[in-house]
Amino acid sequence: MFDRLSGDVAMSWIEDSGVEGQVLAVRACRADMIVLGRPTAENEAAALMTLNAGLMQSGRPVLMVPATGPLSFKHVAVFWNGSPEATRAVTAGLAFLTSAGTVTVLRVEEEEWFAPTEDLEAFFAHHGISIAVVKVMPRSGGTGAALLAAAVEAGADMMVMGAYTRSKLRQLILGSVTGYVVQNAGMPVLLSH
């Protein structure tokens, strides 16, 4: 748990045995958040299965962190497409967002569609969070690549996003934004499904 007033974080360590994804899903139901390392070439298949179990079966947000480098949460980029998953991610990330010095909302615009941000801006204002909204228009590299590039260009050191918001059919045709970000993000990413 994160205490916004004192800035303290409470955590515990529990050792258990069984299938990692199943154990994680059961244990995480009673936690505020799951913290996992970003999948690497050495552990990709197992780590992706664990990450997906945490996202899909526990109902909890997952903070995915890179294996190396210092962690900073001073400038948070929010990937916004108006989906319920993105909305849950914003709510799950409030402790990070209220503590950040800068919050940039990256509004995805694809195929003549975009999610308005007026309600999101009002939500952030209600929580005392000032934001900048940046339009992101995916090009040939896809939405995931465009969002990561925009986050880096904005100077973000953390990302907040909804996970697996596209239908399975759209993922097959257009690719998975979540999959791309999980495999390529060089900074912490808070995911929620």
N, C-alpha and C. Protein backbone atom coordinates (compact mmCIF):
# COMPACT_ATOMS: atom_id res chain seq x y z
N MET A 1 0.84 -1.18 0.00
CA MET A 1 0.00 0.00 0.00
C MET A 1 0.88 1.24 0.00
N PHE A 2 0.39 2.31 -0.58
CA PHE A 2 1.12 3.57 -0.64
C PHE A 2 0.35 4.60 0.15
N ASP A 3 0.98 5.20 1.14
CA ASP A 3 0.35 6.25 1.94
C ASP A 3 0.73 7.59 1.33
N ARG A 4 -0.23 8.25 0.69
CA ARG A 4 0.05 9.51 0.00
C ARG A 4 0.52 10.60 0.96
N LEU A 5 0.05 10.56 2.20
CA LEU A 5 0.42 11.61 3.15
C LEU A 5 1.87 11.50 3.60
N SER A 6 2.33 10.28 3.88
CA SER A 6 3.69 10.12 4.36
C SER A 6 4.66 9.69 3.26
N GLY A 7 4.13 9.17 2.14
CA GLY A 7 4.99 8.68 1.07
C GLY A 7 5.53 7.28 1.33
N ASP A 8 5.03 6.62 2.38
CA ASP A 8 5.51 5.29 2.73
C ASP A 8 4.85 4.22 1.86
N VAL A 9 5.59 3.18 1.59
CA VAL A 9 5.09 2.02 0.85
C VAL A 9 5.19 0.81 1.77
N ALA A 10 4.11 0.05 1.87
CA ALA A 10 4.13 -1.19 2.66
C ALA A 10 4.11 -2.36 1.70
N MET A 11 4.96 -3.35 1.97
CA MET A 11 4.97 -4.54 1.13
C MET A 11 5.32 -5.74 1.99
N SER A 12 5.06 -6.91 1.42
CA SER A 12 5.40 -8.13 2.14
C SER A 12 5.96 -9.15 1.15
N TRP A 13 6.65 -10.14 1.68
CA TRP A 13 7.23 -11.20 0.87
C TRP A 13 6.61 -12.51 1.33
N ILE A 14 6.04 -13.23 0.39
CA ILE A 14 5.43 -14.52 0.69
C ILE A 14 6.01 -15.55 -0.27
N GLU A 15 6.48 -16.66 0.26
CA GLU A 15 6.95 -17.75 -0.61
C GLU A 15 5.87 -18.81 -0.66
N ASP A 16 5.61 -19.28 -1.86
CA ASP A 16 4.56 -20.26 -2.07
C ASP A 16 5.03 -21.22 -3.15
N SER A 17 4.37 -22.34 -3.30
CA SER A 17 4.73 -23.26 -4.37
C SER A 17 3.49 -23.54 -5.21
N GLY A 18 3.75 -23.91 -6.45
CA GLY A 18 2.67 -24.20 -7.39
C GLY A 18 2.98 -23.56 -8.73
N VAL A 19 2.00 -23.57 -9.61
CA VAL A 19 2.16 -22.93 -10.92
C VAL A 19 2.17 -21.42 -10.69
N GLU A 20 3.24 -20.77 -11.14
CA GLU A 20 3.47 -19.35 -10.82
C GLU A 20 2.27 -18.47 -11.11
N GLY A 21 1.71 -18.56 -12.30
CA GLY A 21 0.57 -17.71 -12.66
C GLY A 21 -0.64 -17.94 -11.78
N GLN A 22 -0.91 -19.19 -11.43
CA GLN A 22 -2.06 -19.51 -10.58
C GLN A 22 -1.85 -18.99 -9.16
N VAL A 23 -0.65 -19.19 -8.63
CA VAL A 23 -0.35 -18.71 -7.28
C VAL A 23 -0.44 -17.18 -7.25
N LEU A 24 0.12 -16.54 -8.26
CA LEU A 24 0.07 -15.08 -8.32
C LEU A 24 -1.36 -14.58 -8.35
N ALA A 25 -2.19 -15.16 -9.20
CA ALA A 25 -3.58 -14.71 -9.32
C ALA A 25 -4.34 -14.83 -8.01
N VAL A 26 -4.12 -15.92 -7.28
CA VAL A 26 -4.81 -16.12 -6.00
C VAL A 26 -4.29 -15.15 -4.95
N ARG A 27 -2.97 -15.03 -4.83
CA ARG A 27 -2.38 -14.16 -3.81
C ARG A 27 -2.63 -12.68 -4.09
N ALA A 28 -2.58 -12.29 -5.35
CA ALA A 28 -2.68 -10.88 -5.71
C ALA A 28 -4.07 -10.30 -5.50
N CYS A 29 -5.08 -11.14 -5.41
CA CYS A 29 -6.45 -10.65 -5.20
C CYS A 29 -6.55 -9.80 -3.94
N ARG A 30 -5.66 -10.01 -3.01
CA ARG A 30 -5.71 -9.30 -1.74
C ARG A 30 -4.60 -8.24 -1.62
N ALA A 31 -4.09 -7.81 -2.74
CA ALA A 31 -3.03 -6.79 -2.75
C ALA A 31 -3.52 -5.57 -3.52
N ASP A 32 -2.87 -4.45 -3.31
CA ASP A 32 -3.21 -3.23 -4.04
C ASP A 32 -2.66 -3.27 -5.46
N MET A 33 -1.51 -3.92 -5.61
CA MET A 33 -0.81 -3.89 -6.89
C MET A 33 0.17 -5.05 -6.95
N ILE A 34 0.44 -5.50 -8.18
CA ILE A 34 1.45 -6.52 -8.42
C ILE A 34 2.66 -5.83 -9.04
N VAL A 35 3.85 -6.13 -8.57
CA VAL A 35 5.07 -5.59 -9.17
C VAL A 35 5.84 -6.76 -9.78
N LEU A 36 6.09 -6.67 -11.09
CA LEU A 36 6.80 -7.71 -11.82
C LEU A 36 7.91 -7.11 -12.66
N GLY A 37 8.95 -7.88 -12.89
CA GLY A 37 10.00 -7.46 -13.80
C GLY A 37 9.53 -7.59 -15.25
N ARG A 38 10.05 -6.73 -16.11
CA ARG A 38 9.70 -6.79 -17.52
C ARG A 38 10.27 -8.06 -18.13
N PRO A 39 9.49 -8.77 -18.93
CA PRO A 39 10.02 -9.97 -19.58
C PRO A 39 11.28 -9.65 -20.39
N THR A 40 12.23 -10.56 -20.32
CA THR A 40 13.48 -10.42 -21.08
C THR A 40 13.62 -11.63 -22.01
N ALA A 41 14.61 -11.59 -22.86
CA ALA A 41 14.83 -12.70 -23.79
C ALA A 41 15.03 -14.02 -23.04
N GLU A 42 15.65 -13.98 -21.85
CA GLU A 42 15.94 -15.19 -21.10
C GLU A 42 14.70 -15.81 -20.46
N ASN A 43 13.73 -14.98 -20.08
CA ASN A 43 12.57 -15.50 -19.35
C ASN A 43 11.24 -15.15 -20.01
N GLU A 44 11.26 -14.80 -21.28
CA GLU A 44 10.09 -14.19 -21.92
C GLU A 44 8.81 -15.01 -21.80
N ALA A 45 8.81 -16.27 -22.17
CA ALA A 45 7.57 -17.04 -22.18
C ALA A 45 6.98 -17.16 -20.77
N ALA A 46 7.78 -17.54 -19.80
CA ALA A 46 7.29 -17.70 -18.43
C ALA A 46 6.85 -16.35 -17.85
N ALA A 47 7.65 -15.32 -18.09
CA ALA A 47 7.32 -14.00 -17.55
C ALA A 47 6.04 -13.44 -18.17
N LEU A 48 5.83 -13.67 -19.47
CA LEU A 48 4.60 -13.21 -20.12
C LEU A 48 3.38 -13.95 -19.57
N MET A 49 3.52 -15.24 -19.32
CA MET A 49 2.41 -16.00 -18.74
C MET A 49 2.07 -15.48 -17.35
N THR A 50 3.08 -15.17 -16.55
CA THR A 50 2.85 -14.64 -15.22
C THR A 50 2.21 -13.25 -15.29
N LEU A 51 2.73 -12.41 -16.16
CA LEU A 51 2.17 -11.06 -16.34
C LEU A 51 0.70 -11.14 -16.75
N ASN A 52 0.40 -12.00 -17.73
CA ASN A 52 -0.99 -12.13 -18.19
C ASN A 52 -1.90 -12.70 -17.11
N ALA A 53 -1.40 -13.64 -16.31
CA ALA A 53 -2.20 -14.17 -15.20
C ALA A 53 -2.50 -13.06 -14.20
N GLY A 54 -1.49 -12.24 -13.91
CA GLY A 54 -1.72 -11.12 -12.99
C GLY A 54 -2.76 -10.15 -13.53
N LEU A 55 -2.65 -9.82 -14.81
CA LEU A 55 -3.59 -8.87 -15.41
C LEU A 55 -5.00 -9.43 -15.56
N MET A 56 -5.11 -10.64 -16.06
CA MET A 56 -6.41 -11.19 -16.44
C MET A 56 -7.14 -11.92 -15.31
N GLN A 57 -6.41 -12.47 -14.36
CA GLN A 57 -7.06 -13.32 -13.36
C GLN A 57 -7.14 -12.71 -11.97
N SER A 58 -6.30 -11.74 -11.66
CA SER A 58 -6.28 -11.21 -10.30
C SER A 58 -7.18 -9.98 -10.13
N GLY A 59 -7.43 -9.27 -11.21
CA GLY A 59 -8.20 -8.04 -11.10
C GLY A 59 -7.39 -6.89 -10.52
N ARG A 60 -6.09 -7.05 -10.41
CA ARG A 60 -5.22 -6.03 -9.83
C ARG A 60 -4.36 -5.40 -10.91
N PRO A 61 -3.95 -4.16 -10.71
CA PRO A 61 -3.01 -3.55 -11.65
C PRO A 61 -1.62 -4.16 -11.48
N VAL A 62 -0.85 -4.11 -12.55
CA VAL A 62 0.51 -4.65 -12.54
C VAL A 62 1.48 -3.52 -12.86
N LEU A 63 2.46 -3.33 -12.00
CA LEU A 63 3.55 -2.40 -12.27
C LEU A 63 4.70 -3.24 -12.80
N MET A 64 4.99 -3.07 -14.09
CA MET A 64 6.08 -3.80 -14.74
C MET A 64 7.31 -2.89 -14.74
N VAL A 65 8.40 -3.39 -14.17
CA VAL A 65 9.61 -2.57 -14.07
C VAL A 65 10.75 -3.20 -14.87
N PRO A 66 11.61 -2.36 -15.44
CA PRO A 66 12.76 -2.90 -16.17
C PRO A 66 13.77 -3.52 -15.21
N ALA A 67 14.58 -4.41 -15.74
CA ALA A 67 15.55 -5.13 -14.91
C ALA A 67 16.68 -4.23 -14.42
N THR A 68 17.00 -3.19 -15.17
CA THR A 68 18.13 -2.34 -14.80
C THR A 68 17.70 -0.88 -14.79
N GLY A 69 18.54 -0.08 -14.20
CA GLY A 69 18.32 1.36 -14.20
C GLY A 69 17.54 1.83 -12.99
N PRO A 70 17.75 3.07 -12.62
CA PRO A 70 17.02 3.62 -11.47
C PRO A 70 15.55 3.84 -11.83
N LEU A 71 14.69 3.72 -10.84
CA LEU A 71 13.27 3.97 -11.05
C LEU A 71 12.95 5.39 -10.64
N SER A 72 12.18 6.06 -11.48
CA SER A 72 11.75 7.42 -11.20
C SER A 72 10.30 7.53 -11.62
N PHE A 73 9.56 8.29 -10.87
CA PHE A 73 8.13 8.47 -11.16
C PHE A 73 7.79 9.96 -11.17
N LYS A 74 8.70 10.78 -11.70
CA LYS A 74 8.51 12.23 -11.69
C LYS A 74 7.69 12.75 -12.85
N HIS A 75 7.76 12.05 -13.98
CA HIS A 75 7.00 12.46 -15.17
C HIS A 75 6.28 11.22 -15.70
N VAL A 76 4.96 11.21 -15.54
CA VAL A 76 4.16 10.05 -15.91
C VAL A 76 3.40 10.34 -17.20
N ALA A 77 3.52 9.42 -18.15
CA ALA A 77 2.74 9.51 -19.39
C ALA A 77 1.55 8.56 -19.27
N VAL A 78 0.36 9.04 -19.57
CA VAL A 78 -0.85 8.24 -19.55
C VAL A 78 -1.26 7.98 -20.99
N PHE A 79 -1.33 6.71 -21.38
CA PHE A 79 -1.79 6.35 -22.72
C PHE A 79 -3.31 6.31 -22.66
N TRP A 80 -3.97 7.19 -23.42
CA TRP A 80 -5.42 7.33 -23.31
C TRP A 80 -6.13 6.99 -24.61
N ASN A 81 -7.04 6.02 -24.52
CA ASN A 81 -7.90 5.70 -25.65
C ASN A 81 -9.36 5.67 -25.25
N GLY A 82 -9.66 6.08 -24.02
CA GLY A 82 -11.03 6.15 -23.54
C GLY A 82 -11.64 4.83 -23.12
N SER A 83 -10.88 3.76 -23.15
CA SER A 83 -11.40 2.43 -22.83
C SER A 83 -11.60 2.26 -21.32
N PRO A 84 -12.45 1.30 -20.93
CA PRO A 84 -12.57 0.99 -19.50
C PRO A 84 -11.23 0.58 -18.89
N GLU A 85 -10.40 -0.13 -19.67
CA GLU A 85 -9.09 -0.55 -19.16
C GLU A 85 -8.20 0.66 -18.87
N ALA A 86 -8.20 1.65 -19.76
CA ALA A 86 -7.41 2.86 -19.55
C ALA A 86 -7.93 3.63 -18.34
N THR A 87 -9.24 3.66 -18.19
CA THR A 87 -9.84 4.34 -17.04
C THR A 87 -9.42 3.67 -15.73
N ARG A 88 -9.45 2.33 -15.71
CA ARG A 88 -9.02 1.61 -14.51
C ARG A 88 -7.53 1.85 -14.23
N ALA A 89 -6.72 1.93 -15.28
CA ALA A 89 -5.29 2.18 -15.10
C ALA A 89 -5.05 3.55 -14.47
N VAL A 90 -5.78 4.56 -14.93
CA VAL A 90 -5.64 5.90 -14.36
C VAL A 90 -6.00 5.88 -12.88
N THR A 91 -7.10 5.24 -12.54
CA THR A 91 -7.51 5.16 -11.13
C THR A 91 -6.48 4.39 -10.31
N ALA A 92 -5.97 3.28 -10.85
CA ALA A 92 -4.97 2.49 -10.13
C ALA A 92 -3.67 3.27 -9.95
N GLY A 93 -3.38 4.19 -10.86
CA GLY A 93 -2.14 4.95 -10.80
C GLY A 93 -2.23 6.28 -10.08
N LEU A 94 -3.33 6.55 -9.41
CA LEU A 94 -3.50 7.86 -8.76
C LEU A 94 -2.37 8.22 -7.81
N ALA A 95 -1.86 7.27 -7.04
CA ALA A 95 -0.77 7.58 -6.11
C ALA A 95 0.46 8.09 -6.87
N PHE A 96 0.76 7.47 -8.01
CA PHE A 96 1.89 7.92 -8.82
C PHE A 96 1.58 9.26 -9.48
N LEU A 97 0.36 9.40 -9.98
CA LEU A 97 -0.02 10.60 -10.72
C LEU A 97 -0.08 11.84 -9.82
N THR A 98 -0.58 11.68 -8.60
CA THR A 98 -0.64 12.83 -7.70
C THR A 98 0.74 13.22 -7.18
N SER A 99 1.67 12.27 -7.16
CA SER A 99 3.03 12.55 -6.69
C SER A 99 3.95 13.04 -7.79
N ALA A 100 3.56 12.83 -9.05
CA ALA A 100 4.42 13.21 -10.18
C ALA A 100 4.49 14.73 -10.32
N GLY A 101 5.62 15.19 -10.78
CA GLY A 101 5.77 16.62 -11.06
C GLY A 101 5.09 17.00 -12.37
N THR A 102 5.08 16.06 -13.33
CA THR A 102 4.50 16.30 -14.65
C THR A 102 3.69 15.09 -15.08
N VAL A 103 2.51 15.34 -15.64
CA VAL A 103 1.68 14.28 -16.19
C VAL A 103 1.31 14.67 -17.62
N THR A 104 1.62 13.79 -18.55
CA THR A 104 1.30 14.01 -19.95
C THR A 104 0.33 12.93 -20.40
N VAL A 105 -0.81 13.34 -20.93
CA VAL A 105 -1.78 12.40 -21.47
C VAL A 105 -1.50 12.28 -22.96
N LEU A 106 -1.23 11.07 -23.40
CA LEU A 106 -0.99 10.79 -24.82
C LEU A 106 -2.29 10.22 -25.39
N ARG A 107 -3.01 11.06 -26.10
CA ARG A 107 -4.32 10.68 -26.66
C ARG A 107 -4.12 10.03 -28.02
N VAL A 108 -4.52 8.78 -28.11
CA VAL A 108 -4.36 8.02 -29.33
C VAL A 108 -5.41 8.43 -30.35
N GLU A 109 -4.97 8.73 -31.56
CA GLU A 109 -5.87 9.02 -32.66
C GLU A 109 -5.54 8.05 -33.79
N GLU A 110 -6.46 7.14 -34.06
CA GLU A 110 -6.21 6.18 -35.13
C GLU A 110 -7.49 5.95 -35.93
N GLU A 111 -7.31 5.76 -37.22
CA GLU A 111 -8.40 5.43 -38.13
C GLU A 111 -9.61 6.35 -37.94
N GLU A 112 -9.38 7.65 -37.95
CA GLU A 112 -10.44 8.65 -37.80
C GLU A 112 -11.22 8.49 -36.50
N TRP A 113 -10.58 7.94 -35.48
CA TRP A 113 -11.21 7.76 -34.18
C TRP A 113 -10.26 8.30 -33.12
N PHE A 114 -10.83 8.94 -32.12
CA PHE A 114 -10.05 9.34 -30.96
C PHE A 114 -10.98 9.46 -29.76
N ALA A 115 -10.41 9.31 -28.59
CA ALA A 115 -11.19 9.42 -27.35
C ALA A 115 -11.07 10.84 -26.83
N PRO A 116 -12.20 11.48 -26.59
CA PRO A 116 -12.13 12.83 -26.01
C PRO A 116 -11.50 12.79 -24.62
N THR A 117 -10.93 13.90 -24.21
CA THR A 117 -10.24 13.95 -22.92
C THR A 117 -10.88 14.90 -21.92
N GLU A 118 -12.00 15.52 -22.27
CA GLU A 118 -12.60 16.51 -21.37
C GLU A 118 -12.93 15.91 -20.00
N ASP A 119 -13.57 14.73 -19.97
CA ASP A 119 -13.90 14.11 -18.69
C ASP A 119 -12.64 13.71 -17.93
N LEU A 120 -11.64 13.23 -18.63
CA LEU A 120 -10.38 12.86 -18.01
C LEU A 120 -9.70 14.10 -17.42
N GLU A 121 -9.71 15.19 -18.17
CA GLU A 121 -9.12 16.44 -17.66
C GLU A 121 -9.84 16.90 -16.40
N ALA A 122 -11.17 16.79 -16.36
CA ALA A 122 -11.93 17.17 -15.17
C ALA A 122 -11.60 16.25 -14.00
N PHE A 123 -11.43 14.95 -14.27
CA PHE A 123 -11.06 13.98 -13.24
C PHE A 123 -9.71 14.35 -12.63
N PHE A 124 -8.73 14.63 -13.50
CA PHE A 124 -7.41 15.02 -12.99
C PHE A 124 -7.47 16.32 -12.21
N ALA A 125 -8.21 17.30 -12.70
CA ALA A 125 -8.34 18.58 -11.99
C ALA A 125 -8.94 18.36 -10.61
N HIS A 126 -9.94 17.49 -10.52
CA HIS A 126 -10.57 17.18 -9.23
C HIS A 126 -9.55 16.62 -8.25
N HIS A 127 -8.55 15.91 -8.74
CA HIS A 127 -7.51 15.34 -7.89
C HIS A 127 -6.28 16.24 -7.78
N GLY A 128 -6.38 17.46 -8.29
CA GLY A 128 -5.27 18.42 -8.17
C GLY A 128 -4.10 18.12 -9.08
N ILE A 129 -4.35 17.45 -10.19
CA ILE A 129 -3.28 17.06 -11.11
C ILE A 129 -3.37 17.91 -12.37
N SER A 130 -2.30 18.64 -12.68
CA SER A 130 -2.23 19.40 -13.93
C SER A 130 -1.67 18.49 -15.00
N ILE A 131 -2.27 18.57 -16.19
CA ILE A 131 -1.83 17.69 -17.28
C ILE A 131 -1.62 18.48 -18.56
N ALA A 132 -0.85 17.88 -19.44
CA ALA A 132 -0.74 18.34 -20.83
C ALA A 132 -1.26 17.20 -21.68
N VAL A 133 -2.04 17.52 -22.71
CA VAL A 133 -2.58 16.51 -23.61
C VAL A 133 -1.85 16.61 -24.94
N VAL A 134 -1.33 15.47 -25.40
CA VAL A 134 -0.60 15.39 -26.66
C VAL A 134 -1.30 14.37 -27.55
N LYS A 135 -1.59 14.75 -28.80
CA LYS A 135 -2.18 13.81 -29.76
C LYS A 135 -1.09 12.91 -30.31
N VAL A 136 -1.39 11.62 -30.37
CA VAL A 136 -0.46 10.65 -30.95
C VAL A 136 -1.17 9.98 -32.11
N MET A 137 -0.59 10.13 -33.28
CA MET A 137 -1.16 9.53 -34.48
C MET A 137 -0.22 8.43 -34.95
N PRO A 138 -0.64 7.18 -34.81
CA PRO A 138 0.21 6.06 -35.22
C PRO A 138 0.54 6.10 -36.70
N ARG A 139 1.74 5.73 -37.00
CA ARG A 139 2.20 5.65 -38.39
C ARG A 139 2.44 4.19 -38.74
N SER A 140 3.32 3.93 -39.63
CA SER A 140 3.56 2.57 -40.10
C SER A 140 4.09 1.65 -39.00
N GLY A 141 4.72 2.18 -37.96
CA GLY A 141 5.27 1.36 -36.89
C GLY A 141 4.20 0.83 -35.94
N GLY A 142 2.99 1.36 -36.00
CA GLY A 142 1.91 0.90 -35.14
C GLY A 142 1.72 1.79 -33.93
N THR A 143 0.61 1.54 -33.25
CA THR A 143 0.22 2.35 -32.10
C THR A 143 1.20 2.22 -30.94
N GLY A 144 1.63 1.01 -30.64
CA GLY A 144 2.56 0.81 -29.52
C GLY A 144 3.86 1.57 -29.72
N ALA A 145 4.41 1.48 -30.93
CA ALA A 145 5.67 2.19 -31.23
C ALA A 145 5.46 3.70 -31.14
N ALA A 146 4.33 4.18 -31.64
CA ALA A 146 4.05 5.62 -31.61
C ALA A 146 3.90 6.12 -30.17
N LEU A 147 3.23 5.34 -29.33
CA LEU A 147 3.05 5.74 -27.93
C LEU A 147 4.37 5.74 -27.18
N LEU A 148 5.18 4.71 -27.36
CA LEU A 148 6.49 4.68 -26.69
C LEU A 148 7.36 5.84 -27.13
N ALA A 149 7.38 6.12 -28.43
CA ALA A 149 8.17 7.24 -28.95
C ALA A 149 7.68 8.56 -28.37
N ALA A 150 6.37 8.74 -28.28
CA ALA A 150 5.81 9.97 -27.74
C ALA A 150 6.13 10.12 -26.25
N ALA A 151 6.10 9.00 -25.51
CA ALA A 151 6.43 9.05 -24.08
C ALA A 151 7.89 9.45 -23.87
N VAL A 152 8.78 8.88 -24.68
CA VAL A 152 10.21 9.22 -24.58
C VAL A 152 10.41 10.68 -24.98
N GLU A 153 9.77 11.09 -26.06
CA GLU A 153 9.91 12.48 -26.53
C GLU A 153 9.41 13.48 -25.48
N ALA A 154 8.35 13.11 -24.75
CA ALA A 154 7.81 13.99 -23.71
C ALA A 154 8.71 14.03 -22.48
N GLY A 155 9.64 13.07 -22.36
CA GLY A 155 10.53 13.02 -21.19
C GLY A 155 9.96 12.21 -20.04
N ALA A 156 8.98 11.35 -20.32
CA ALA A 156 8.36 10.55 -19.26
C ALA A 156 9.33 9.51 -18.73
N ASP A 157 9.19 9.18 -17.45
CA ASP A 157 9.99 8.12 -16.86
C ASP A 157 9.11 7.00 -16.32
N MET A 158 7.80 7.10 -16.58
CA MET A 158 6.84 6.06 -16.22
C MET A 158 5.65 6.18 -17.15
N MET A 159 4.98 5.04 -17.40
CA MET A 159 3.77 5.05 -18.24
C MET A 159 2.63 4.37 -17.49
N VAL A 160 1.42 4.83 -17.76
CA VAL A 160 0.20 4.24 -17.22
C VAL A 160 -0.69 3.93 -18.41
N MET A 161 -1.18 2.67 -18.51
CA MET A 161 -2.00 2.32 -19.67
C MET A 161 -2.95 1.18 -19.36
N GLY A 162 -4.05 1.15 -20.08
CA GLY A 162 -4.95 0.01 -20.05
C GLY A 162 -4.32 -1.12 -20.84
N ALA A 163 -4.56 -2.35 -20.43
CA ALA A 163 -3.95 -3.51 -21.09
C ALA A 163 -4.99 -4.32 -21.83
N TYR A 164 -4.64 -4.72 -23.04
CA TYR A 164 -5.47 -5.56 -23.88
C TYR A 164 -6.87 -4.97 -24.07
N THR A 165 -6.91 -3.74 -24.59
CA THR A 165 -8.19 -3.08 -24.83
C THR A 165 -8.79 -3.45 -26.18
N ARG A 166 -7.98 -3.95 -27.10
CA ARG A 166 -8.47 -4.35 -28.42
C ARG A 166 -9.05 -5.76 -28.36
N SER A 167 -10.05 -6.01 -29.18
CA SER A 167 -10.60 -7.36 -29.29
C SER A 167 -9.53 -8.28 -29.87
N LYS A 168 -9.73 -9.58 -29.70
CA LYS A 168 -8.77 -10.56 -30.23
C LYS A 168 -8.63 -10.41 -31.74
N LEU A 169 -9.73 -10.14 -32.44
CA LEU A 169 -9.68 -9.98 -33.89
C LEU A 169 -8.85 -8.75 -34.26
N ARG A 170 -9.07 -7.63 -33.58
CA ARG A 170 -8.28 -6.42 -33.87
C ARG A 170 -6.81 -6.64 -33.54
N GLN A 171 -6.52 -7.41 -32.48
CA GLN A 171 -5.12 -7.71 -32.16
C GLN A 171 -4.47 -8.51 -33.28
N LEU A 172 -5.21 -9.44 -33.85
CA LEU A 172 -4.67 -10.24 -34.96
C LEU A 172 -4.39 -9.37 -36.17
N ILE A 173 -5.28 -8.43 -36.46
CA ILE A 173 -5.13 -7.59 -37.64
C ILE A 173 -4.13 -6.47 -37.41
N LEU A 174 -4.28 -5.76 -36.30
CA LEU A 174 -3.47 -4.56 -36.04
C LEU A 174 -2.29 -4.80 -35.12
N GLY A 175 -2.25 -5.93 -34.45
CA GLY A 175 -1.20 -6.18 -33.46
C GLY A 175 -1.65 -5.74 -32.08
N SER A 176 -0.94 -6.16 -31.09
CA SER A 176 -1.28 -5.83 -29.71
C SER A 176 -0.41 -4.68 -29.22
N VAL A 177 -1.05 -3.58 -28.88
CA VAL A 177 -0.34 -2.43 -28.32
C VAL A 177 0.31 -2.86 -26.99
N THR A 178 -0.45 -3.56 -26.17
CA THR A 178 0.09 -4.02 -24.88
C THR A 178 1.31 -4.90 -25.08
N GLY A 179 1.21 -5.85 -25.99
CA GLY A 179 2.35 -6.74 -26.25
C GLY A 179 3.58 -5.97 -26.69
N TYR A 180 3.39 -4.98 -27.55
CA TYR A 180 4.51 -4.18 -28.03
C TYR A 180 5.15 -3.41 -26.87
N VAL A 181 4.33 -2.79 -26.04
CA VAL A 181 4.85 -2.00 -24.92
C VAL A 181 5.56 -2.90 -23.92
N VAL A 182 4.97 -4.04 -23.59
CA VAL A 182 5.59 -4.97 -22.65
C VAL A 182 6.97 -5.40 -23.14
N GLN A 183 7.10 -5.65 -24.42
CA GLN A 183 8.37 -6.13 -24.95
C GLN A 183 9.40 -5.04 -25.20
N ASN A 184 8.96 -3.78 -25.27
CA ASN A 184 9.89 -2.72 -25.68
C ASN A 184 10.05 -1.56 -24.72
N ALA A 185 9.26 -1.48 -23.67
CA ALA A 185 9.34 -0.34 -22.75
C ALA A 185 10.63 -0.38 -21.96
N GLY A 186 11.31 0.74 -21.88
CA GLY A 186 12.54 0.83 -21.10
C GLY A 186 12.31 1.52 -19.76
N MET A 187 11.05 1.74 -19.40
CA MET A 187 10.71 2.42 -18.14
C MET A 187 9.57 1.67 -17.47
N PRO A 188 9.29 1.96 -16.21
CA PRO A 188 8.16 1.29 -15.54
C PRO A 188 6.84 1.58 -16.26
N VAL A 189 5.97 0.57 -16.29
CA VAL A 189 4.66 0.70 -16.92
C VAL A 189 3.62 0.13 -15.95
N LEU A 190 2.62 0.93 -15.62
CA LEU A 190 1.51 0.47 -14.81
C LEU A 190 0.41 0.04 -15.77
N LEU A 191 0.04 -1.24 -15.71
CA LEU A 191 -0.96 -1.82 -16.60
C LEU A 191 -2.20 -2.23 -15.81
N SER A 192 -3.37 -2.06 -16.43
CA SER A 192 -4.60 -2.54 -15.80
C SER A 192 -5.53 -3.05 -16.88
N HIS A 193 -6.22 -4.17 -16.58
CA HIS A 193 -7.16 -4.73 -17.55
C HIS A 193 -8.57 -4.59 -17.05
